Structure formats: structure tokens, C-alpha cells
Amino acid sequence: MGAFEDSSIQGECVRNRIWLMLTAAILSETAAALSMKAALDAPIWYVVVVAGYCISFVLLSLILRAGAPVGKTYGIWAASGIALTAVSGTVLFGEPLTATMIVGIAFVIGGVLLVEFGSGRAREGVSG
């Protein structure tokens, strides 16, 4: 049983810690990606790029070590990073966010939800 499936109090604490680490990993990766654009004009931002990606990957490793499934974890991390980076690029740098991009982000989020629901159904099939 993975960390996301344990329904005990201890399992809930682990699950909450995993979600917090995953949120931090997503934010770190997004900060790193956005800092690459800033680093084009001010190379000091490369420090944030390297630190952000290092923090993100260390957190992902800790999440997997805690028992989270790799497909679900990586899917949420990647999809959230894509969506957050696209929206943040619009807000911070004035980059376009077209209707097609919004539809693409919706598909990415939908894909993550399908993986989430699919993993829940797989657990039900194994235990039931």
C-alpha cells in the first residue's frame, strides 16, 4: 500500500506531508523555470534556477521515498508546473495566454485527474 492509500491517522499525516512537499516541489520548479527568463538579463538569477531545480528534485525524491506512486506524483508535479508557469509567465512577463493554451492546460489538468481516478479504481480492484 502506498502513502496515498493509507487511511490511518499516521497515514493521513504522511499524506499531508507528501502534499506539502509536492506543493513546495511544484513552486520550486516553477520559480526555477521563470527565473531562466529573468537570467537572460541578469545572470544572478541563474542561482535561483539551479537552487529551484535542485530543491524540486530533492523533494520529489523524498516524496517517492515516502511511498507515493511515481506516475501520480510526477504527473501532478509536471502538469501543475506547466499550468503555473504558463499563467505566471503571463502575469510576470506579459507573455500571451491564448485560448488554445488555456484549452491545453485544461487537458493537462484533466489528464492528471484521470490518472488520479484511475489509480483509485486500480486500488479498489486490487482490494475488492
Protein backbone atom coordinates (compact mmCIF):
# COMPACT_ATOMS: atom_id res chain seq x y z
CA MET A 1 0.00 0.00 0.00
CA GLY A 2 1.41 3.40 -0.97
CA ALA A 3 1.44 6.53 1.13
CA PHE A 4 -1.58 7.99 -0.67
CA GLU A 5 -3.74 4.97 0.20
CA ASP A 6 -3.18 4.54 3.97
CA SER A 7 -6.34 5.65 5.81
CA SER A 8 -4.92 5.55 9.36
CA ILE A 9 -4.07 8.69 11.34
CA GLN A 10 -0.38 8.08 10.71
CA GLY A 11 -1.14 7.57 7.02
CA GLU A 12 -3.02 10.87 6.96
CA CYS A 13 -0.02 12.68 8.46
CA VAL A 14 2.28 11.14 5.86
CA ARG A 15 -0.19 12.03 3.10
CA ASN A 16 -0.39 15.65 4.31
CA ARG A 17 3.40 15.86 4.46
CA ILE A 18 3.61 14.46 0.92
CA TRP A 19 1.14 17.04 -0.39
CA LEU A 20 3.08 19.85 1.30
CA MET A 21 6.36 18.60 -0.18
CA LEU A 22 4.73 18.21 -3.59
CA THR A 23 3.41 21.77 -3.42
CA ALA A 24 6.89 23.01 -2.49
CA ALA A 25 8.42 20.96 -5.34
CA ILE A 26 5.96 22.48 -7.83
CA LEU A 27 6.62 26.02 -6.60
CA SER A 28 10.40 25.45 -6.67
CA GLU A 29 10.28 24.11 -10.22
CA THR A 30 8.07 26.99 -11.35
CA ALA A 31 10.39 29.56 -9.73
CA ALA A 32 13.35 27.94 -11.48
CA ALA A 33 11.63 27.96 -14.87
CA LEU A 34 10.55 31.59 -14.53
CA SER A 35 13.99 32.63 -13.31
CA MET A 36 15.53 31.37 -16.56
CA LYS A 37 13.79 34.22 -18.37
CA ALA A 38 14.98 36.76 -15.80
CA ALA A 39 18.52 35.35 -16.00
CA LEU A 40 18.78 36.38 -19.65
CA ASP A 41 19.10 39.99 -18.50
CA ALA A 42 20.59 39.46 -15.03
CA PRO A 43 22.73 36.30 -14.76
CA ILE A 44 22.48 36.30 -10.94
CA TRP A 45 19.04 34.71 -11.46
CA TYR A 46 20.81 31.51 -12.53
CA VAL A 47 21.36 30.91 -8.80
CA VAL A 48 17.57 30.68 -8.41
CA VAL A 49 17.36 28.42 -11.47
CA VAL A 50 19.87 25.92 -10.07
CA ALA A 51 18.55 26.11 -6.50
CA GLY A 52 14.93 25.79 -7.61
CA TYR A 53 15.53 22.69 -9.70
CA CYS A 54 17.74 21.10 -7.02
CA ILE A 55 15.13 21.71 -4.32
CA SER A 56 12.37 20.41 -6.56
CA PHE A 57 14.17 17.16 -7.41
CA VAL A 58 15.25 16.55 -3.81
CA LEU A 59 11.64 16.98 -2.70
CA LEU A 60 10.41 14.64 -5.45
CA SER A 61 12.92 12.03 -4.26
CA LEU A 62 11.70 12.38 -0.67
CA ILE A 63 8.09 12.07 -1.81
CA LEU A 64 8.84 8.85 -3.69
CA ARG A 65 10.83 7.52 -0.72
CA ALA A 66 7.76 8.14 1.46
CA GLY A 67 5.85 5.69 -0.74
CA ALA A 68 3.99 7.91 -3.19
CA PRO A 69 3.43 6.33 -6.62
CA VAL A 70 5.77 7.74 -9.27
CA GLY A 71 3.15 8.08 -12.04
CA LYS A 72 0.74 10.02 -9.91
CA THR A 73 3.42 12.15 -8.25
CA TYR A 74 5.26 13.04 -11.44
CA GLY A 75 2.01 13.66 -13.31
CA ILE A 76 0.77 16.14 -10.72
CA TRP A 77 4.18 17.83 -10.50
CA ALA A 78 4.62 18.17 -14.25
CA ALA A 79 1.06 19.24 -15.04
CA SER A 80 0.91 21.75 -12.21
CA GLY A 81 4.29 23.15 -13.18
CA ILE A 82 3.19 23.61 -16.79
CA ALA A 83 -0.03 25.36 -15.82
CA LEU A 84 1.54 27.55 -13.14
CA THR A 85 4.48 28.53 -15.37
CA ALA A 86 2.19 29.47 -18.27
CA VAL A 87 -0.07 31.60 -16.09
CA SER A 88 2.86 33.16 -14.19
CA GLY A 89 4.63 33.96 -17.46
CA THR A 90 1.57 35.92 -18.49
CA VAL A 91 1.35 37.79 -15.19
CA LEU A 92 5.07 38.47 -14.70
CA PHE A 93 6.38 38.84 -18.25
CA GLY A 94 3.29 39.79 -20.25
CA GLU A 95 3.54 36.61 -22.33
CA PRO A 96 0.45 35.63 -24.27
CA LEU A 97 -2.00 33.13 -22.83
CA THR A 98 -4.19 32.19 -25.77
CA ALA A 99 -7.45 30.29 -25.77
CA THR A 100 -5.61 27.32 -27.27
CA MET A 101 -3.10 27.39 -24.42
CA ILE A 102 -5.91 27.53 -21.87
CA VAL A 103 -7.56 24.51 -23.51
CA GLY A 104 -4.18 22.73 -23.43
CA ILE A 105 -3.78 23.48 -19.73
CA ALA A 106 -7.30 22.16 -19.14
CA PHE A 107 -6.38 18.94 -20.97
CA VAL A 108 -3.23 18.57 -18.86
CA ILE A 109 -5.25 19.03 -15.66
CA GLY A 110 -7.87 16.60 -16.99
CA GLY A 111 -5.12 14.07 -17.67
CA VAL A 112 -3.86 14.35 -14.10
CA LEU A 113 -7.39 13.83 -12.80
CA LEU A 114 -7.78 10.73 -14.98
CA VAL A 115 -4.53 9.33 -13.57
CA GLU A 116 -5.77 10.10 -10.04
CA PHE A 117 -9.16 8.47 -10.59
CA GLY A 118 -7.56 5.57 -12.43
CA SER A 119 -5.19 4.89 -9.55
CA GLY A 120 -8.13 4.93 -7.13
CA ARG A 121 -10.04 2.43 -9.27
CA ALA A 122 -6.95 0.23 -9.54
CA ARG A 123 -6.71 0.16 -5.73
CA GLU A 124 -10.40 -0.77 -5.49
CA GLY A 125 -9.87 -3.59 -7.99
CA VAL A 126 -6.91 -4.97 -6.04
CA SER A 127 -8.58 -4.75 -2.63
CA GLY A 128 -12.13 -5.52 -3.70
